[in-house]
């Protein structure tokens, strides 16, 4: 059987949502800089994407499964880099520098 109109709409909705993380992932891969990224926000985005993926698998919804399977890859990379940079103090050292230069309260 072919795709239903509902499935087509699902794919059309999922495609741009899936692509939203690619520019940030590309920038993070190139620069390794995550200072301006929120650890809390990326943790929530990762959890939400993982839950949507699990939900899609449970209800056997192909657009949800495909889009969230693809989306979770760059999100995981970005979140991993943010956690790593935070753990090694790279992001914290930038905060300290900005405070020292009076560029940040």
Protein backbone atom coordinates (compact mmCIF):
# COMPACT_ATOMS: atom_id res chain seq x y z
CA UNK A 1 0.00 0.00 0.00
CA UNK A 2 1.09 3.56 -0.67
CA UNK A 3 1.56 6.31 1.83
CA UNK A 4 -1.61 7.82 3.18
CA UNK A 5 -2.16 11.58 3.23
CA UNK A 6 -1.59 11.50 6.98
CA UNK A 7 1.78 9.78 6.50
CA UNK A 8 2.78 12.29 3.82
CA UNK A 9 1.92 15.16 6.18
CA UNK A 10 3.92 13.40 8.93
CA UNK A 11 6.97 13.13 6.68
CA UNK A 12 6.60 16.75 5.54
CA UNK A 13 6.38 17.89 9.17
CA UNK A 14 9.25 15.70 10.32
CA UNK A 15 11.72 16.69 7.60
CA UNK A 16 12.40 20.32 8.61
CA UNK A 17 12.30 19.39 12.29
CA UNK A 18 14.93 16.73 11.65
CA UNK A 19 17.12 19.17 9.72
CA UNK A 20 17.07 21.86 12.45
CA UNK A 21 19.94 20.28 14.39
CA UNK A 22 22.28 19.90 11.43
CA UNK A 23 23.63 23.49 11.28
CA UNK A 24 24.46 23.46 15.00
CA UNK A 25 26.04 20.02 14.76
CA UNK A 26 28.15 21.16 11.78
CA UNK A 27 29.27 24.28 13.66
CA UNK A 28 30.10 22.23 16.76
CA UNK A 29 32.06 19.67 14.72
CA UNK A 30 34.09 22.45 13.08
CA UNK A 31 34.71 24.64 16.13
CA UNK A 32 34.37 22.20 19.07
CA UNK A 33 32.86 25.25 20.82
CA UNK A 34 29.76 24.70 22.95
CA UNK A 35 30.07 27.66 25.31
CA UNK A 36 26.92 29.42 24.11
CA UNK A 37 24.82 26.25 24.19
CA UNK A 38 22.58 25.42 27.12
CA UNK A 39 23.30 22.06 28.75
CA UNK A 40 19.77 21.99 30.19
CA UNK A 41 18.15 22.74 26.85
CA UNK A 42 20.12 20.11 24.94
CA UNK A 43 19.44 17.56 27.71
CA UNK A 44 15.71 18.21 27.35
CA UNK A 45 15.86 18.10 23.54
CA UNK A 46 17.71 14.76 23.71
CA UNK A 47 15.20 13.31 26.22
CA UNK A 48 12.22 14.52 24.17
CA UNK A 49 13.66 13.11 20.95
CA UNK A 50 14.42 9.77 22.60
CA UNK A 51 10.88 9.59 23.99
CA UNK A 52 9.35 10.47 20.58
CA UNK A 53 11.49 7.73 19.05
CA UNK A 54 10.33 5.17 21.63
CA UNK A 55 6.72 6.29 21.14
CA UNK A 56 7.07 5.98 17.36
CA UNK A 57 8.48 2.47 17.73
CA UNK A 58 5.68 1.44 20.09
CA UNK A 59 2.94 2.66 17.75
CA UNK A 60 4.88 1.59 14.63
CA UNK A 61 4.77 5.08 13.09
CA UNK A 62 7.39 5.25 10.32
CA UNK A 63 7.65 9.08 10.09
CA UNK A 64 8.23 9.33 13.87
CA UNK A 65 10.75 6.50 13.85
CA UNK A 66 12.73 7.82 10.88
CA UNK A 67 12.78 11.47 11.87
CA UNK A 68 13.69 10.85 15.50
CA UNK A 69 16.28 8.19 14.61
CA UNK A 70 18.00 10.75 12.40
CA UNK A 71 17.49 13.69 14.78
CA UNK A 72 18.96 11.96 17.80
CA UNK A 73 22.37 11.55 16.11
CA UNK A 74 23.38 15.24 15.87
CA UNK A 75 21.64 16.00 19.17
CA UNK A 76 23.68 13.27 20.88
CA UNK A 77 26.90 14.63 19.38
CA UNK A 78 26.14 18.22 20.43
CA UNK A 79 25.09 17.15 23.94
CA UNK A 80 28.17 14.94 24.31
CA UNK A 81 30.46 17.79 23.30
CA UNK A 82 28.69 20.15 25.73
CA UNK A 83 29.03 17.66 28.59
CA UNK A 84 32.70 17.05 27.71
CA UNK A 85 33.54 20.75 27.46
CA UNK A 86 31.76 21.42 30.74
CA UNK A 87 33.53 18.49 32.45
CA UNK A 88 37.00 19.64 31.36
CA UNK A 89 36.24 23.23 32.36
CA UNK A 90 36.51 24.65 28.86
CA UNK A 91 33.13 26.38 29.04
CA UNK A 92 33.71 27.47 32.64
CA UNK A 93 37.05 29.06 31.72
CA UNK A 94 35.29 31.17 29.08
CA UNK A 95 32.79 32.34 31.74
CA UNK A 96 35.67 33.32 34.01
CA UNK A 97 37.39 35.23 31.21
CA UNK A 98 34.21 37.12 30.35
CA UNK A 99 33.69 38.07 33.99
CA UNK A 100 37.30 39.20 34.26
CA UNK A 101 36.89 41.41 31.21
CA UNK A 102 33.61 42.74 32.70
CA UNK A 103 31.68 41.52 29.68
CA UNK A 104 29.42 39.39 31.83
CA UNK A 105 27.79 40.08 35.23
